[in-house]
Protein backbone atom coordinates (compact mmCIF):
# COMPACT_ATOMS: atom_id res chain seq x y z
CA MET A 1 55.86 -25.16 73.26
CA PHE A 2 56.03 -24.35 69.55
CA ARG A 3 58.53 -27.04 68.62
CA PRO A 4 57.02 -29.97 66.73
CA LYS A 5 57.35 -33.41 68.25
CA PRO A 6 57.67 -36.42 65.96
CA PRO A 7 54.91 -38.93 66.63
CA THR A 8 55.86 -42.14 68.36
CA MET A 9 54.63 -45.44 67.00
CA PRO A 10 52.90 -47.42 69.73
CA GLN A 11 54.01 -51.00 70.10
CA PRO A 12 51.36 -53.64 69.32
CA THR A 13 49.80 -55.24 72.35
CA GLY A 14 48.81 -58.88 72.65
CA THR A 15 49.69 -61.63 70.22
CA VAL A 16 50.40 -60.78 66.62
CA THR A 17 49.41 -63.37 64.01
CA PRO A 18 51.52 -63.61 60.87
CA PRO A 19 49.74 -62.84 57.60
CA THR A 20 48.21 -65.82 55.83
CA VAL A 21 49.23 -66.74 52.30
CA VAL A 22 46.39 -67.07 49.79
CA GLU A 23 46.94 -69.75 47.16
CA PRO A 24 45.57 -69.03 43.66
CA THR A 25 42.88 -71.36 42.39
CA THR A 26 42.90 -72.99 39.00
CA ILE A 27 40.32 -71.96 36.43
CA THR A 28 38.67 -74.77 34.52
CA PRO A 29 37.02 -73.88 31.22
CA GLY A 30 33.29 -74.54 31.17
CA THR A 31 30.80 -74.77 28.37
CA SER A 32 30.74 -71.75 26.12
CA VAL A 33 27.59 -69.65 26.09
CA PRO A 34 26.56 -68.29 22.68
CA PRO A 35 26.38 -64.49 22.57
CA PRO A 36 22.87 -63.07 22.87
CA VAL A 37 21.14 -62.16 19.64
CA PRO A 38 20.67 -58.38 19.42
CA ALA A 39 17.10 -57.19 19.29
CA PRO A 40 15.96 -55.56 16.05
CA VAL A 41 16.26 -51.79 16.12
CA ALA A 42 12.83 -50.25 16.26
CA GLY A 43 11.86 -46.83 15.00
CA PRO A 44 11.71 -43.85 17.33
CA ALA A 45 9.46 -44.56 20.28
CA ARG A 46 8.44 -40.91 20.59
CA PRO A 47 7.30 -38.58 17.87
CA THR A 48 9.71 -35.79 17.01
CA VAL A 49 9.01 -32.35 18.42
CA GLN A 50 7.48 -29.95 15.93
CA LEU A 51 8.37 -26.31 16.54
CA THR A 52 5.54 -24.08 15.49
CA PRO A 53 6.01 -20.30 15.37
CA GLY A 54 4.09 -19.97 18.65
CA THR A 55 6.30 -22.53 20.41
CA ALA A 56 9.46 -20.92 19.12
CA LEU A 57 8.23 -17.54 20.34
CA ALA A 58 7.45 -19.02 23.76
CA LEU A 59 10.92 -20.57 23.97
CA VAL A 60 12.59 -17.30 23.03
CA GLY A 61 10.47 -15.42 25.57
CA GLY A 62 11.25 -17.93 28.31
CA GLY A 63 14.97 -17.83 27.57
CA THR A 64 14.94 -14.03 27.61
CA ALA A 65 13.13 -14.03 30.96
CA VAL A 66 15.67 -16.43 32.46
CA VAL A 67 18.59 -14.32 31.23
CA LEU A 68 17.02 -11.15 32.63
CA VAL A 69 16.31 -12.71 36.03
CA VAL A 70 19.80 -14.19 36.34
CA GLY A 71 21.32 -10.86 35.27
CA ALA A 72 19.27 -8.96 37.86
CA VAL A 73 20.35 -11.35 40.60
CA LEU A 74 24.02 -11.05 39.64
CA VAL A 75 23.86 -7.25 39.45
CA SER A 76 22.17 -7.05 42.85
CA MET A 77 24.86 -9.28 44.37
CA LEU A 78 27.56 -7.07 42.86
CA LEU A 79 25.83 -3.98 44.23
CA ALA A 80 25.64 -5.56 47.70
CA VAL A 81 29.37 -6.28 47.62
CA ALA A 82 30.13 -2.73 46.47
CA ILE A 83 28.00 -1.19 49.25
CA THR A 84 29.65 -3.43 51.85
CA ALA A 85 33.12 -2.48 50.61
CA ALA A 86 32.25 1.22 50.72
CA SER A 87 30.92 0.98 54.28
CA VAL A 88 34.02 -0.92 55.43
CA ALA A 89 36.20 1.77 53.82
CA VAL A 90 34.26 4.53 55.62
CA CYS A 91 34.64 2.67 58.94
CA ALA A 92 38.37 2.33 58.34
CA VAL A 93 38.74 6.06 57.65
CA VAL A 94 36.77 6.96 60.79
CA LEU A 95 38.82 4.59 62.95
CA ARG A 96 42.03 5.93 61.47
CA SER A 97 41.06 9.51 62.22
CA LEU A 98 40.01 8.60 65.78
CA LEU A 99 43.29 6.82 66.44
CA ALA A 100 45.29 9.68 64.91
CA SER A 101 43.48 12.25 67.07
CA GLN A 102 44.30 10.25 70.22
CA HIS A 103 48.01 10.29 69.42
CA ARG A 104 48.02 14.09 68.99
CA ARG A 105 46.65 14.78 72.48
């Protein structure tokens, strides 16, 4: 039952056609197309962003908020894993003591 069996290749059924040979075609040179003329480079389409002290303060505040929220989520996930591990350890100790007390009787 547990011994592996090598797979058997089934024989093709019906008529088998031989593969066809594809002949390469010849390439004839055509008329050459001149390369396209590059468009002139224009100045920046958008104005550059000016950081005022208020905008910089808002960016720093937003970044700090994101870091704090992500940190809180990661700490809560770590705490959930720690609580789960502790409860599994307590269950293991209880089961071990129950099984040990059955063997003593």
